[in-house]
């Protein structure tokens, strides 16, 4: 066996161990959200700390560095990508002290428990101390890694390699202008009433379990449970866990979230098996992961074609007859609100702009945790025109900061941008897609994603993969065009031209 081949086999063995430890951590996280009693928080923090420390030890092992150096000299694109992907992760690990890794894992469980209690009781003070600690640890991590110009860059890079605050702002500025203009036009139009569909949790679950496999999520390799904040956890393509939540006053609130998580799950289940053990058998980036989920949730899930098919499913499962025109209008109505995960397509990204600004300010120290509630209200008024009346509708609504996920939020809007251009390419590639969706055949959508995104894995980073699949497209313009064509048309708002992303 050649030296390069031995290095490749050694690298794959290390990747397998790292992947297994990550899966163990994922199971601990899933259980913490789904089944674990509140009294287990301290012990769970220790358990997560041990797993994080073991994974860190593997990453910083000099033998792994030697294998990466040897594999990096290969002319094979797969091996080059594998060395690049894991090399980045290892570089971050080498720069991050083991004590910080362990402390962060322990603090996240304490913060998560405090966040749940604070949100449930609407008492921000219960979360202030743990949140300040998570911010401090995020600043420490950023300083250790030292990527980019802004302290936020190091955290962004961990989710979307190469992403910087400057790049985010270059996309977000024209997007904000276009969204605000569209929102202003919609506010001047006649309002559309919400048409929530009341349904028992048991009936909703039956509907959800009809929809997910119809879209393409394999329940033989996955499951659906409930959690305070819905998420997808992929331990392996054969074990992908989705969580959701139910609102008996509104079927679509939970269903659209379930479709969103199902989009993540189908990506996880579709990753390339022939690239296993190489780090290429992973998603291209967090933003590309979000592109999949947002494409399914918004482009498909809010479409008249999907909702027409859904009406038949609901009638079969529950006997409830839906008012289809009212449902379509309700699913695409625009009204600025407080909760990000319940936001319409037009205002959703303004929620992300708010969080991005606040995170960046927290990381530099321009904003303290004590000042956070006031800053949130100020930004909410400026971007959305609403002031949250209580913390659970403001800075306590999201789980991310309790788990140390600073730098994750921009990926949601990047995902919306990517999804807009991907779907335009999909429509060109498969022109009968909407006729298929209308009869419950979602194979053109899943087939396109399997061929162009899932099967490629992480051979390319997210932004490069988008450019390869949808060359020459302007994601900012594509997203604004899609919003004008659906929500703008619904409200009779006509806007000429399109914004250009930088």
Protein backbone atom coordinates (compact mmCIF):
# COMPACT_ATOMS: atom_id res chain seq x y z
CA UNK A 1 0.00 0.00 0.00
CA UNK A 2 1.33 3.44 -0.95
CA UNK A 3 2.04 5.97 1.78
CA UNK A 4 -0.76 8.24 0.53
CA UNK A 5 -3.22 5.33 0.67
CA UNK A 6 -2.20 4.52 4.25
CA UNK A 7 -2.72 8.17 5.19
CA UNK A 8 -6.15 8.08 3.52
CA UNK A 9 -7.20 4.97 5.45
CA UNK A 10 -5.90 6.51 8.68
CA UNK A 11 -7.87 9.68 7.97
CA UNK A 12 -11.08 7.76 7.31
CA UNK A 13 -10.65 5.81 10.55
CA UNK A 14 -10.30 9.08 12.47
CA UNK A 15 -13.32 10.55 10.72
CA UNK A 16 -15.40 7.52 11.68
CA UNK A 17 -14.47 7.92 15.35
CA UNK A 18 -15.19 11.65 15.24
CA UNK A 19 -18.50 11.01 13.52
CA UNK A 20 -19.51 8.44 16.14
CA UNK A 21 -18.68 10.81 18.98
CA UNK A 22 -20.66 13.55 17.28
CA UNK A 23 -23.59 11.14 16.99
CA UNK A 24 -23.37 10.35 20.71
CA UNK A 25 -23.43 14.08 21.42
CA UNK A 26 -26.40 14.39 19.09
CA UNK A 27 -28.31 11.70 20.94
CA UNK A 28 -27.61 13.41 24.25
CA UNK A 29 -28.88 16.67 22.78
CA UNK A 30 -31.98 15.02 21.31
CA UNK A 31 -32.83 13.31 24.60
CA UNK A 32 -32.22 16.54 26.52
CA UNK A 33 -34.87 18.23 24.38
CA UNK A 34 -37.35 15.36 24.05
CA UNK A 35 -37.34 13.01 27.06
CA UNK A 36 -34.89 14.06 29.77
CA UNK A 37 -36.44 15.26 33.06
CA UNK A 38 -35.47 18.74 34.21
CA UNK A 39 -33.49 17.26 37.10
CA UNK A 40 -31.01 15.71 34.70
CA UNK A 41 -29.54 19.01 33.47
CA UNK A 42 -26.40 18.97 35.62
CA UNK A 43 -25.55 15.36 34.82
CA UNK A 44 -26.26 15.91 31.14
CA UNK A 45 -23.87 18.84 31.14
CA UNK A 46 -21.10 16.61 32.48
CA UNK A 47 -21.88 13.90 29.92
CA UNK A 48 -21.79 16.36 27.03
CA UNK A 49 -18.57 17.80 28.39
CA UNK A 50 -16.91 14.37 28.36
CA UNK A 51 -17.97 13.71 24.76
CA UNK A 52 -16.80 17.16 23.64
CA UNK A 53 -13.45 16.66 25.37
CA UNK A 54 -12.90 13.24 23.77
CA UNK A 55 -13.74 14.62 20.34
CA UNK A 56 -11.37 17.53 20.90
CA UNK A 57 -8.57 15.12 21.86
CA UNK A 58 -9.01 13.20 18.62
CA UNK A 59 -9.00 16.38 16.57
CA UNK A 60 -5.77 17.75 18.02
CA UNK A 61 -3.91 14.41 17.84
CA UNK A 62 -0.65 15.03 15.89
CA UNK A 63 -1.18 11.80 13.95
CA UNK A 64 -4.36 13.25 12.48
CA UNK A 65 -2.40 16.33 11.45
CA UNK A 66 0.17 14.13 9.70
CA UNK A 67 -2.54 12.20 7.85
CA UNK A 68 -4.22 15.43 6.76
CA UNK A 69 -0.94 16.83 5.43
CA UNK A 70 -0.31 13.67 3.40
CA UNK A 71 -3.86 13.42 2.04
CA UNK A 72 -3.85 17.11 1.19
CA UNK A 73 -1.13 16.44 -1.40
CA UNK A 74 -3.43 14.08 -3.32
CA UNK A 75 -4.64 14.97 -6.81
CA UNK A 76 -7.96 13.23 -6.15
CA UNK A 77 -10.76 15.85 -5.70
CA UNK A 78 -12.54 13.78 -3.05
CA UNK A 79 -9.41 13.40 -0.96
CA UNK A 80 -8.53 17.05 -1.37
CA UNK A 81 -12.00 18.07 -0.21
CA UNK A 82 -11.83 15.67 2.74
CA UNK A 83 -8.49 17.11 3.85
CA UNK A 84 -9.79 20.66 3.40
CA UNK A 85 -13.00 20.05 5.37
CA UNK A 86 -11.46 18.23 8.30
CA UNK A 87 -8.40 20.48 8.23
CA UNK A 88 -10.61 23.46 9.00
CA UNK A 89 -12.29 21.68 11.90
CA UNK A 90 -8.94 20.52 13.25
CA UNK A 91 -7.44 23.99 12.93
CA UNK A 92 -10.26 25.42 15.04
CA UNK A 93 -9.80 22.63 17.59
CA UNK A 94 -6.03 23.13 17.83
CA UNK A 95 -6.58 26.82 18.50
CA UNK A 96 -9.29 26.17 21.11
CA UNK A 97 -8.11 24.98 24.56
CA UNK A 98 -9.59 21.70 25.77
CA UNK A 99 -10.69 23.46 28.95
CA UNK A 100 -12.79 25.88 26.90
CA UNK A 101 -14.41 23.02 24.96
CA UNK A 102 -15.34 21.24 28.17
CA UNK A 103 -16.52 24.40 29.90
CA UNK A 104 -18.68 25.39 26.95
CA UNK A 105 -20.44 22.02 26.87
CA UNK A 106 -21.11 22.17 30.61
CA UNK A 107 -22.31 25.78 30.48
CA UNK A 108 -24.64 25.07 27.57
CA UNK A 109 -26.66 22.51 29.53
CA UNK A 110 -26.98 24.92 32.46
CA UNK A 111 -27.96 27.73 30.10
CA UNK A 112 -30.49 25.56 28.27
CA UNK A 113 -32.20 24.64 31.54
CA UNK A 114 -32.22 28.32 32.59
CA UNK A 115 -33.59 29.39 29.20
CA UNK A 116 -36.48 26.91 29.38
CA UNK A 117 -37.41 28.14 32.84
CA UNK A 118 -37.00 31.82 31.92
CA UNK A 119 -39.11 31.51 28.78
CA UNK A 120 -41.83 29.55 30.55
CA UNK A 121 -42.08 32.10 33.37
CA UNK A 122 -41.32 35.17 31.20
CA UNK A 123 -38.55 36.12 33.61
CA UNK A 124 -35.50 37.33 31.69
CA UNK A 125 -33.47 37.64 34.89
CA UNK A 126 -33.33 33.83 35.20
CA UNK A 127 -31.42 33.63 31.92
CA UNK A 128 -29.29 36.77 32.18
CA UNK A 129 -26.39 35.21 34.09
CA UNK A 130 -26.14 31.99 32.03
CA UNK A 131 -26.47 34.00 28.81
CA UNK A 132 -23.68 36.37 29.87
CA UNK A 133 -21.51 33.32 30.46
CA UNK A 134 -22.31 31.91 26.99
CA UNK A 135 -21.44 35.27 25.41
CA UNK A 136 -18.18 35.36 27.33
CA UNK A 137 -17.30 31.85 26.12
CA UNK A 138 -18.20 32.77 22.53
CA UNK A 139 -15.90 35.80 22.72
CA UNK A 140 -13.13 33.59 24.10
CA UNK A 141 -13.63 31.06 21.32
CA UNK A 142 -13.56 33.78 18.67
CA UNK A 143 -10.36 35.24 20.10
CA UNK A 144 -8.68 31.82 20.13
CA UNK A 145 -9.62 31.02 16.54
CA UNK A 146 -8.82 34.49 15.23
CA UNK A 147 -10.39 34.15 11.78
CA UNK A 148 -11.28 37.29 9.85
CA UNK A 149 -11.39 40.94 10.81
CA UNK A 150 -14.49 41.09 13.03
CA UNK A 151 -14.87 38.88 16.14
CA UNK A 152 -18.09 37.56 14.57
CA UNK A 153 -16.17 36.21 11.54
CA UNK A 154 -14.67 33.29 13.44
CA UNK A 155 -18.10 32.10 14.54
CA UNK A 156 -19.71 32.56 11.11
CA UNK A 157 -16.88 30.57 9.55
CA UNK A 158 -17.71 27.59 11.75
CA UNK A 159 -21.10 27.20 10.05
CA UNK A 160 -20.39 28.50 6.55
CA UNK A 161 -16.69 28.28 5.72
CA UNK A 162 -15.32 31.53 4.35
CA UNK A 163 -18.33 33.57 5.44
CA UNK A 164 -17.56 36.96 7.00
CA UNK A 165 -19.71 39.72 8.44
CA UNK A 166 -18.69 41.89 5.50
CA UNK A 167 -20.02 39.31 3.05
CA UNK A 168 -23.23 38.89 5.05
CA UNK A 169 -23.82 42.63 5.10
CA UNK A 170 -23.19 42.89 1.35
CA UNK A 171 -26.12 40.50 0.82
CA UNK A 172 -28.32 41.75 3.63
CA UNK A 173 -28.24 45.46 2.72
CA UNK A 174 -29.98 45.17 -0.68
CA UNK A 175 -32.24 42.46 0.72
CA UNK A 176 -33.34 44.76 3.54
CA UNK A 177 -34.10 47.57 1.10
CA UNK A 178 -36.22 45.28 -1.05
CA UNK A 179 -38.05 43.72 1.89
CA UNK A 180 -38.84 47.04 3.53
CA UNK A 181 -40.17 48.43 0.25
CA UNK A 182 -42.36 45.36 -0.30
CA UNK A 183 -43.57 45.42 3.30
CA UNK A 184 -44.45 49.10 3.05
CA UNK A 185 -46.52 48.38 -0.05
CA UNK A 186 -48.31 45.49 1.62
CA UNK A 187 -49.09 47.61 4.69
CA UNK A 188 -50.89 50.02 2.39
CA UNK A 189 -53.06 47.26 0.91
CA UNK A 190 -56.22 45.70 2.30
CA UNK A 191 -55.32 43.23 5.08
CA UNK A 192 -55.87 39.49 4.70
CA UNK A 193 -57.44 37.68 7.61
CA UNK A 194 -55.78 34.63 9.11
CA UNK A 195 -57.67 31.39 8.56
CA UNK A 196 -56.27 29.02 11.20
CA UNK A 197 -57.39 25.40 11.04
CA UNK A 198 -58.20 24.08 14.50
CA UNK A 199 -57.27 20.43 14.91
CA UNK A 200 -56.46 18.08 17.77
CA UNK A 201 -52.85 17.07 18.35
CA UNK A 202 -53.70 13.44 17.53
CA UNK A 203 -55.22 14.41 14.18
CA UNK A 204 -52.32 16.71 13.39
CA UNK A 205 -49.82 13.97 14.06
CA UNK A 206 -51.62 11.68 11.60
CA UNK A 207 -51.51 14.41 8.97
CA UNK A 208 -47.83 15.10 9.62
CA UNK A 209 -47.02 11.40 9.29
CA UNK A 210 -48.82 11.34 5.94
CA UNK A 211 -47.05 14.43 4.63
CA UNK A 212 -43.47 13.60 5.62
CA UNK A 213 -43.15 10.28 3.72
CA UNK A 214 -45.05 11.74 0.76
CA UNK A 215 -42.38 14.44 0.49
CA UNK A 216 -39.67 11.80 0.66
CA UNK A 217 -38.63 11.54 4.32
CA UNK A 218 -38.06 7.87 5.12
CA UNK A 219 -39.69 7.07 8.48
CA UNK A 220 -37.91 3.71 8.44
CA UNK A 221 -34.70 5.69 8.92
CA UNK A 222 -36.15 8.49 11.01
CA UNK A 223 -38.78 9.49 13.54
CA UNK A 224 -40.87 12.47 14.64
CA UNK A 225 -41.14 13.66 18.24
CA UNK A 226 -41.99 16.89 20.06
CA UNK A 227 -39.62 19.49 21.55
CA UNK A 228 -39.88 23.07 22.87
CA UNK A 229 -37.99 24.31 19.80
CA UNK A 230 -38.22 22.08 16.68
CA UNK A 231 -34.98 20.74 15.23
CA UNK A 232 -33.48 17.95 13.14
CA UNK A 233 -30.68 15.75 14.44
CA UNK A 234 -28.96 13.46 11.95
CA UNK A 235 -26.78 10.88 13.68
CA UNK A 236 -26.42 8.86 10.48
CA UNK A 237 -28.39 8.58 7.21
CA UNK A 238 -30.08 5.60 8.86
CA UNK A 239 -31.00 7.51 12.05
CA UNK A 240 -32.41 10.99 11.52
CA UNK A 241 -34.57 12.49 14.29
CA UNK A 242 -37.10 15.25 13.64
CA UNK A 243 -38.93 17.18 16.33
CA UNK A 244 -41.95 19.43 16.03
CA UNK A 245 -44.56 21.14 18.15
CA UNK A 246 -48.34 21.24 17.86
CA UNK A 247 -50.76 24.15 18.10
CA UNK A 248 -54.31 22.85 18.32
CA UNK A 249 -55.60 26.26 17.23
CA UNK A 250 -53.57 26.26 14.00
CA UNK A 251 -52.62 23.21 11.94
CA UNK A 252 -50.23 25.08 9.63
CA UNK A 253 -48.11 26.47 12.45
CA UNK A 254 -46.83 23.00 13.27
CA UNK A 255 -47.05 21.54 9.78
CA UNK A 256 -44.88 24.16 8.10
CA UNK A 257 -42.30 23.68 10.86
CA UNK A 258 -42.44 19.93 10.35
CA UNK A 259 -41.94 20.35 6.60
CA UNK A 260 -38.97 22.60 7.39
CA UNK A 261 -37.35 19.98 9.62
CA UNK A 262 -38.25 17.31 7.08
CA UNK A 263 -36.22 19.26 4.52
CA UNK A 264 -33.22 19.01 6.81
CA UNK A 265 -33.95 15.33 7.37
CA UNK A 266 -34.16 14.48 3.67
CA UNK A 267 -30.78 16.14 3.14
CA UNK A 268 -29.30 14.02 5.93
CA UNK A 269 -30.85 10.84 4.54
CA UNK A 270 -29.64 11.66 1.02
CA UNK A 271 -25.97 12.26 1.77
CA UNK A 272 -23.63 10.17 -0.42
CA UNK A 273 -23.04 6.72 1.01
CA UNK A 274 -20.14 6.05 -1.35
CA UNK A 275 -18.22 8.91 0.28
CA UNK A 276 -18.70 7.65 3.85
CA UNK A 277 -15.89 8.26 6.29
CA UNK A 278 -14.30 11.10 4.34
CA UNK A 279 -16.03 14.29 5.63
CA UNK A 280 -17.29 14.71 2.06
CA UNK A 281 -20.40 12.76 3.07
CA UNK A 282 -21.72 15.83 4.91
CA UNK A 283 -23.79 18.87 4.01
CA UNK A 284 -21.99 21.57 2.05
CA UNK A 285 -22.70 24.21 4.71
CA UNK A 286 -25.26 25.25 7.26
CA UNK A 287 -26.73 27.72 4.75
CA UNK A 288 -27.13 24.98 2.16
CA UNK A 289 -28.83 22.84 4.80
CA UNK A 290 -31.21 25.72 5.47
CA UNK A 291 -31.75 26.15 1.73
CA UNK A 292 -33.17 22.63 1.60
CA UNK A 293 -35.51 23.15 4.54
CA UNK A 294 -36.68 26.60 3.45
CA UNK A 295 -37.22 25.42 -0.13
CA UNK A 296 -39.57 22.68 1.10
CA UNK A 297 -41.28 24.85 3.72
CA UNK A 298 -41.82 27.98 1.64
CA UNK A 299 -41.53 27.30 -2.08
CA UNK A 300 -43.45 24.02 -1.79
CA UNK A 301 -45.34 24.10 1.52
CA UNK A 302 -47.02 27.49 1.02
CA UNK A 303 -47.85 26.93 -2.66
CA UNK A 304 -51.47 26.63 -3.86
CA UNK A 305 -50.55 23.32 -5.50
CA UNK A 306 -49.29 21.74 -2.28
CA UNK A 307 -52.13 23.14 -0.20
CA UNK A 308 -54.67 21.76 -2.66
CA UNK A 309 -53.15 18.29 -2.26
CA UNK A 310 -52.99 18.77 1.52
CA UNK A 311 -56.71 19.51 1.65
CA UNK A 312 -57.36 16.01 0.34
CA UNK A 313 -55.04 14.46 2.92
CA UNK A 314 -56.72 16.37 5.76
CA UNK A 315 -60.18 15.29 4.59
CA UNK A 316 -59.08 11.64 4.44
CA UNK A 317 -57.39 11.67 7.85
CA UNK A 318 -59.77 13.86 9.85
CA UNK A 319 -62.94 14.49 7.83
CA UNK A 320 -62.26 18.25 8.03
CA UNK A 321 -62.99 20.16 4.82
CA UNK A 322 -60.62 23.05 4.28
CA UNK A 323 -61.53 26.36 2.64
CA UNK A 324 -58.69 26.21 0.11
CA UNK A 325 -58.67 29.86 -1.11
CA UNK A 326 -58.74 31.05 2.49
CA UNK A 327 -55.94 28.63 3.45
CA UNK A 328 -53.72 29.71 0.55
CA UNK A 329 -54.22 33.37 1.41
CA UNK A 330 -53.65 32.72 5.10
CA UNK A 331 -50.40 30.79 4.50
CA UNK A 332 -49.07 33.65 2.39
CA UNK A 333 -50.44 36.62 4.33
CA UNK A 334 -47.93 39.17 5.58
CA UNK A 335 -48.10 40.66 9.05
CA UNK A 336 -45.15 41.70 11.16
CA UNK A 337 -45.12 39.76 14.41
CA UNK A 338 -42.89 38.89 17.31
CA UNK A 339 -41.98 35.22 16.73
CA UNK A 340 -39.37 34.30 14.13
CA UNK A 341 -40.46 30.69 13.61
CA UNK A 342 -44.04 31.82 12.95
CA UNK A 343 -43.07 34.72 10.67
CA UNK A 344 -44.29 35.05 7.10
CA UNK A 345 -41.87 34.89 4.20
CA UNK A 346 -41.53 38.66 3.81
CA UNK A 347 -40.81 39.54 7.45
CA UNK A 348 -38.85 36.40 8.38
CA UNK A 349 -35.54 37.71 7.11
CA UNK A 350 -36.00 40.96 9.01
CA UNK A 351 -36.03 38.83 12.16
CA UNK A 352 -32.67 37.42 11.09
CA UNK A 353 -31.23 40.86 10.38
CA UNK A 354 -32.23 41.85 13.92
CA UNK A 355 -30.45 38.86 15.46
CA UNK A 356 -27.35 39.27 13.30
CA UNK A 357 -26.90 42.88 14.40
CA UNK A 358 -27.38 41.99 18.05
CA UNK A 359 -25.01 39.01 17.93
CA UNK A 360 -22.29 41.07 16.27
CA UNK A 361 -22.70 43.77 18.94
CA UNK A 362 -22.61 41.21 21.76
CA UNK A 363 -19.40 39.74 20.39
CA UNK A 364 -17.62 43.10 20.26
CA UNK A 365 -18.88 44.19 23.66
CA UNK A 366 -20.79 47.13 22.15
CA UNK A 367 -23.89 45.56 23.69
CA UNK A 368 -24.11 43.92 27.11
CA UNK A 369 -26.60 41.25 28.16
CA UNK A 370 -28.21 43.78 30.51
CA UNK A 371 -28.81 46.07 27.52
CA UNK A 372 -30.11 43.25 25.33
CA UNK A 373 -33.88 43.58 26.03
CA UNK A 374 -33.83 47.28 25.18
CA UNK A 375 -31.73 46.74 22.06
CA UNK A 376 -34.08 44.00 20.92
CA UNK A 377 -37.10 46.28 21.29
CA UNK A 378 -35.30 49.07 19.41
CA UNK A 379 -34.31 46.83 16.50
CA UNK A 380 -37.74 45.19 16.40
CA UNK A 381 -39.40 48.57 16.08
CA UNK A 382 -36.93 49.73 13.43
CA UNK A 383 -37.14 46.61 11.25
CA UNK A 384 -40.59 45.17 11.93
CA UNK A 385 -42.55 48.03 13.45
CA UNK A 386 -43.54 46.02 16.53
CA UNK A 387 -42.41 46.11 20.16
CA UNK A 388 -42.46 42.76 22.01
CA UNK A 389 -44.55 43.15 25.19
CA UNK A 390 -42.70 40.47 27.13
CA UNK A 391 -39.33 38.63 26.99
CA UNK A 392 -40.75 35.35 25.68
CA UNK A 393 -41.83 37.25 22.57
CA UNK A 394 -38.46 38.95 22.36
CA UNK A 395 -34.95 37.77 23.13
CA UNK A 396 -36.08 34.65 25.03
CA UNK A 397 -37.89 33.09 22.08
CA UNK A 398 -34.94 31.27 20.45
CA UNK A 399 -32.96 28.38 21.90
CA UNK A 400 -29.72 29.13 20.02
CA UNK A 401 -27.83 31.31 22.49
CA UNK A 402 -28.47 28.90 25.36
CA UNK A 403 -26.58 26.29 23.34
CA UNK A 404 -23.75 28.58 22.29
CA UNK A 405 -24.88 28.79 18.66
CA UNK A 406 -23.59 32.29 17.98
CA UNK A 407 -23.14 32.90 14.27
CA UNK A 408 -25.85 30.44 13.20
CA UNK A 409 -28.70 32.89 12.55
CA UNK A 410 -27.38 34.40 9.26
CA UNK A 411 -27.50 30.91 7.75
CA UNK A 412 -31.31 31.03 7.81
CA UNK A 413 -31.45 34.02 5.49
CA UNK A 414 -28.59 32.71 3.37
CA UNK A 415 -30.65 29.53 3.09
CA UNK A 416 -33.63 31.53 1.84
CA UNK A 417 -31.40 33.22 -0.72
CA UNK A 418 -29.90 29.93 -1.91
CA UNK A 419 -33.34 28.28 -2.01
CA UNK A 420 -34.74 31.01 -4.26
CA UNK A 421 -32.04 30.50 -6.88
CA UNK A 422 -32.14 26.71 -6.57
CA UNK A 423 -35.88 26.66 -7.15
CA UNK A 424 -35.59 28.88 -10.20
CA UNK A 425 -33.09 26.39 -11.60
CA UNK A 426 -35.39 23.49 -10.61
CA UNK A 427 -38.30 25.04 -12.49
CA UNK A 428 -36.12 25.39 -15.59
CA UNK A 429 -34.81 21.85 -15.26
CA UNK A 430 -38.19 20.22 -14.47
CA UNK A 431 -40.92 22.40 -16.00
CA UNK A 432 -43.79 20.14 -14.92
CA UNK A 433 -42.85 20.35 -11.24
CA UNK A 434 -46.00 22.25 -10.21
CA UNK A 435 -48.34 19.85 -12.00
CA UNK A 436 -46.65 17.03 -10.09
CA UNK A 437 -46.87 18.79 -6.72
CA UNK A 438 -50.58 19.39 -7.26
CA UNK A 439 -51.23 15.62 -7.32
CA UNK A 440 -48.87 14.78 -4.46
CA UNK A 441 -45.89 13.73 -6.58
CA UNK A 442 -42.89 15.43 -5.00
CA UNK A 443 -40.27 13.34 -6.79
CA UNK A 444 -39.22 16.15 -9.16
CA UNK A 445 -38.28 18.32 -6.19
CA UNK A 446 -36.52 15.62 -4.21
CA UNK A 447 -34.92 14.21 -7.35
CA UNK A 448 -33.43 17.58 -8.25
CA UNK A 449 -32.02 18.03 -4.75
CA UNK A 450 -30.71 14.45 -4.64
CA UNK A 451 -28.94 14.89 -7.98
CA UNK A 452 -27.50 18.36 -7.56
CA UNK A 453 -27.11 18.88 -3.79
CA UNK A 454 -27.40 15.76 -1.64
CA UNK A 455 -25.26 13.40 -3.73
CA UNK A 456 -22.46 15.98 -3.96
CA UNK A 457 -22.05 16.17 -0.19
CA UNK A 458 -19.30 18.56 0.85
CA UNK A 459 -17.16 18.27 -2.24
CA UNK A 460 -17.65 22.04 -2.54
CA UNK A 461 -18.52 24.70 0.03
CA UNK A 462 -22.09 25.97 0.02
CA UNK A 463 -21.66 29.17 -1.97
CA UNK A 464 -19.52 27.43 -4.59
CA UNK A 465 -22.03 24.60 -4.88
CA UNK A 466 -24.83 27.11 -5.45
CA UNK A 467 -22.79 28.77 -8.20
CA UNK A 468 -22.24 25.39 -9.86
CA UNK A 469 -25.90 24.37 -9.69
CA UNK A 470 -27.42 27.76 -10.51
CA UNK A 471 -24.65 29.67 -12.34
CA UNK A 472 -25.09 33.36 -12.94
CA UNK A 473 -28.11 33.76 -10.69
CA UNK A 474 -28.57 36.63 -8.23
CA UNK A 475 -29.94 35.12 -4.99
CA UNK A 476 -31.11 38.47 -3.57
CA UNK A 477 -32.98 39.29 -6.75
CA UNK A 478 -34.39 35.77 -7.02
CA UNK A 479 -35.76 35.85 -3.48
CA UNK A 480 -37.30 39.29 -3.86
CA UNK A 481 -38.80 38.29 -7.21
CA UNK A 482 -40.40 35.20 -5.69
CA UNK A 483 -41.85 37.24 -2.82
CA UNK A 484 -43.25 39.83 -5.21
CA UNK A 485 -44.72 37.14 -7.43
CA UNK A 486 -46.56 35.40 -4.58
CA UNK A 487 -47.07 37.72 -1.61
CA UNK A 488 -46.90 40.93 -3.64
CA UNK A 489 -49.46 39.63 -6.11
CA UNK A 490 -51.70 38.45 -3.28
CA UNK A 491 -51.84 42.01 -1.95
CA UNK A 492 -51.96 43.67 -5.37
CA UNK A 493 -48.53 45.25 -4.84
CA UNK A 494 -46.61 45.72 -8.09
CA UNK A 495 -42.94 46.69 -7.92
CA UNK A 496 -40.73 47.12 -10.94
CA UNK A 497 -37.12 46.07 -11.11
CA UNK A 498 -35.11 43.88 -8.83
CA UNK A 499 -32.41 44.33 -6.24
CA UNK A 500 -28.91 43.08 -6.81
CA UNK A 501 -26.84 41.29 -4.21
CA UNK A 502 -23.27 42.33 -3.57
